[in-house]
Protein backbone atom coordinates (compact mmCIF):
# COMPACT_ATOMS: atom_id res chain seq x y z
CA MET A 1 33.08 98.49 92.35
CA GLY A 2 35.42 101.62 92.03
CA ILE A 3 38.69 102.90 91.68
CA ILE A 4 40.25 105.72 93.93
CA ALA A 5 43.74 107.15 92.84
CA ILE A 6 46.05 109.34 94.55
CA GLU A 7 48.53 110.52 92.12
CA GLY A 8 51.61 112.84 92.05
CA ILE A 9 52.76 112.40 95.63
CA LYS A 10 56.07 114.22 95.64
CA LEU A 11 58.58 113.77 98.12
CA HIS A 12 62.42 114.14 98.34
CA ALA A 13 63.84 110.80 99.87
CA PHE A 14 67.34 109.11 99.97
CA HIS A 15 66.96 105.69 98.35
CA GLY A 16 69.51 104.10 96.19
CA CYS A 17 72.90 102.06 96.12
CA LEU A 18 75.38 104.88 96.21
CA GLU A 19 76.50 106.72 99.06
CA GLU A 20 75.72 110.20 97.24
CA GLU A 21 72.04 109.05 97.12
CA ALA A 22 72.05 108.56 100.90
CA ARG A 23 73.58 111.91 101.47
CA ILE A 24 71.86 114.13 98.66
CA GLY A 25 68.67 112.18 97.85
CA THR A 26 66.48 113.00 94.99
CA GLU A 27 62.95 113.75 94.02
CA TYR A 28 60.36 110.98 93.76
CA CYS A 29 56.74 110.72 92.71
CA VAL A 30 54.33 108.07 93.91
CA ASP A 31 51.02 107.07 92.52
CA VAL A 32 48.58 104.83 94.27
CA THR A 33 45.68 103.26 92.67
CA ALA A 34 43.15 101.01 94.61
CA GLU A 35 40.07 99.24 93.47
CA TYR A 36 37.23 98.48 96.07
CA ASP A 37 33.49 98.47 96.37
CA PHE A 38 32.79 102.10 97.51
CA SER A 39 29.06 101.99 96.93
CA ASN A 40 28.39 102.48 100.75
CA ALA A 41 30.57 105.56 100.83
CA ALA A 42 28.97 107.00 97.61
CA LEU A 43 25.44 106.47 99.40
CA THR A 44 26.37 107.65 102.96
CA ASP A 45 28.89 110.41 102.13
CA LYS A 46 30.73 109.13 105.19
CA LEU A 47 34.67 109.22 105.18
CA GLU A 48 34.72 106.03 107.42
CA HIS A 49 33.22 104.16 104.36
CA THR A 50 35.86 104.82 102.03
CA VAL A 51 39.66 104.71 101.69
CA ASP A 52 40.91 107.87 103.07
CA TYR A 53 43.56 109.55 100.86
CA VAL A 54 45.02 111.36 103.65
CA VAL A 55 45.74 108.07 105.22
CA ILE A 56 47.42 106.73 101.96
CA TYR A 57 49.38 109.89 101.75
CA ASP A 58 50.80 109.44 105.28
CA ILE A 59 51.46 105.90 104.78
CA VAL A 60 53.66 106.84 101.39
CA LYS A 61 55.31 109.58 103.24
CA GLU A 62 56.08 107.34 106.29
CA GLU A 63 57.56 104.55 104.09
CA MET A 64 59.29 106.92 101.81
CA ALA A 65 61.17 108.11 104.69
CA ILE A 66 62.76 104.82 105.33
CA ARG A 67 65.95 104.54 103.26
CA SER A 68 66.33 101.72 100.93
CA LYS A 69 68.75 100.65 98.15
CA LEU A 70 66.04 99.82 95.64
CA ILE A 71 62.80 101.46 94.84
CA GLU A 72 61.19 98.03 94.24
CA HIS A 73 61.68 97.56 98.05
CA VAL A 74 60.08 100.78 98.82
CA ALA A 75 57.10 100.22 96.48
CA ARG A 76 56.64 96.75 98.14
CA ARG A 77 56.46 98.23 101.52
CA ILE A 78 54.05 101.01 100.71
CA TYR A 79 51.68 98.19 99.16
CA ASP A 80 52.01 96.12 102.19
CA ALA A 81 51.16 99.06 104.67
CA ILE A 82 48.09 100.18 102.40
CA LYS A 83 46.84 96.50 102.36
CA LEU A 84 47.37 95.99 105.88
CA LYS A 85 45.05 99.18 106.68
CA TYR A 86 42.51 98.53 104.03
CA ALA A 87 41.74 94.90 103.78
CA GLU A 88 38.81 95.52 101.50
CA ILE A 89 40.80 96.79 98.67
CA ILE A 90 40.52 94.16 95.93
CA SER A 91 43.55 95.22 93.80
CA LEU A 92 46.27 97.82 94.40
CA GLU A 93 48.94 99.48 92.46
CA VAL A 94 51.87 101.23 93.77
CA LYS A 95 53.98 103.31 91.19
CA VAL A 96 57.28 104.95 92.41
CA ALA A 97 59.23 107.03 90.05
CA LYS A 98 62.70 108.25 90.81
CA TYR A 99 63.78 111.36 89.13
CA ASN A 100 67.18 111.94 87.67
CA PRO A 101 68.52 108.36 88.53
CA PRO A 102 72.57 108.16 88.48
CA VAL A 103 73.20 106.72 85.06
CA ASN A 104 75.79 107.65 82.38
CA GLY A 105 73.60 109.78 80.46
CA TYR A 106 70.12 111.59 80.63
CA VAL A 107 67.20 109.74 81.95
CA ASP A 108 64.24 111.74 83.12
CA ARG A 109 63.01 109.12 85.69
CA SER A 110 63.21 105.27 86.44
CA VAL A 111 59.81 103.71 87.58
CA VAL A 112 58.69 100.50 89.28
CA ILE A 113 54.96 99.61 89.57
CA TYR A 114 53.98 96.94 92.19
CA LYS A 115 50.59 95.06 92.05
């Protein structure tokens, strides 16, 4: 067993319940952690025997481009798309952080973790 983590995927997106969030958007950071058996990849040194982090990045980018009101919904879509592509993943965690959420005070980021 092993874990692959793709951390710090930074994107500008337009999620949120407010109209200004749809117009202006904000910065997001996505982390993906997947547990799976990568012993074959470790032995063969072949990309097709592992979870390709370029594919993971592309999935995250594609799903983040689809506007949602809630980052919980975005995290679930990313999770589902990754699991669909890589059935061999045993456990998966998708963390979506929204920087500067619109609250009545200073908050660096709001975060959801979907597992």
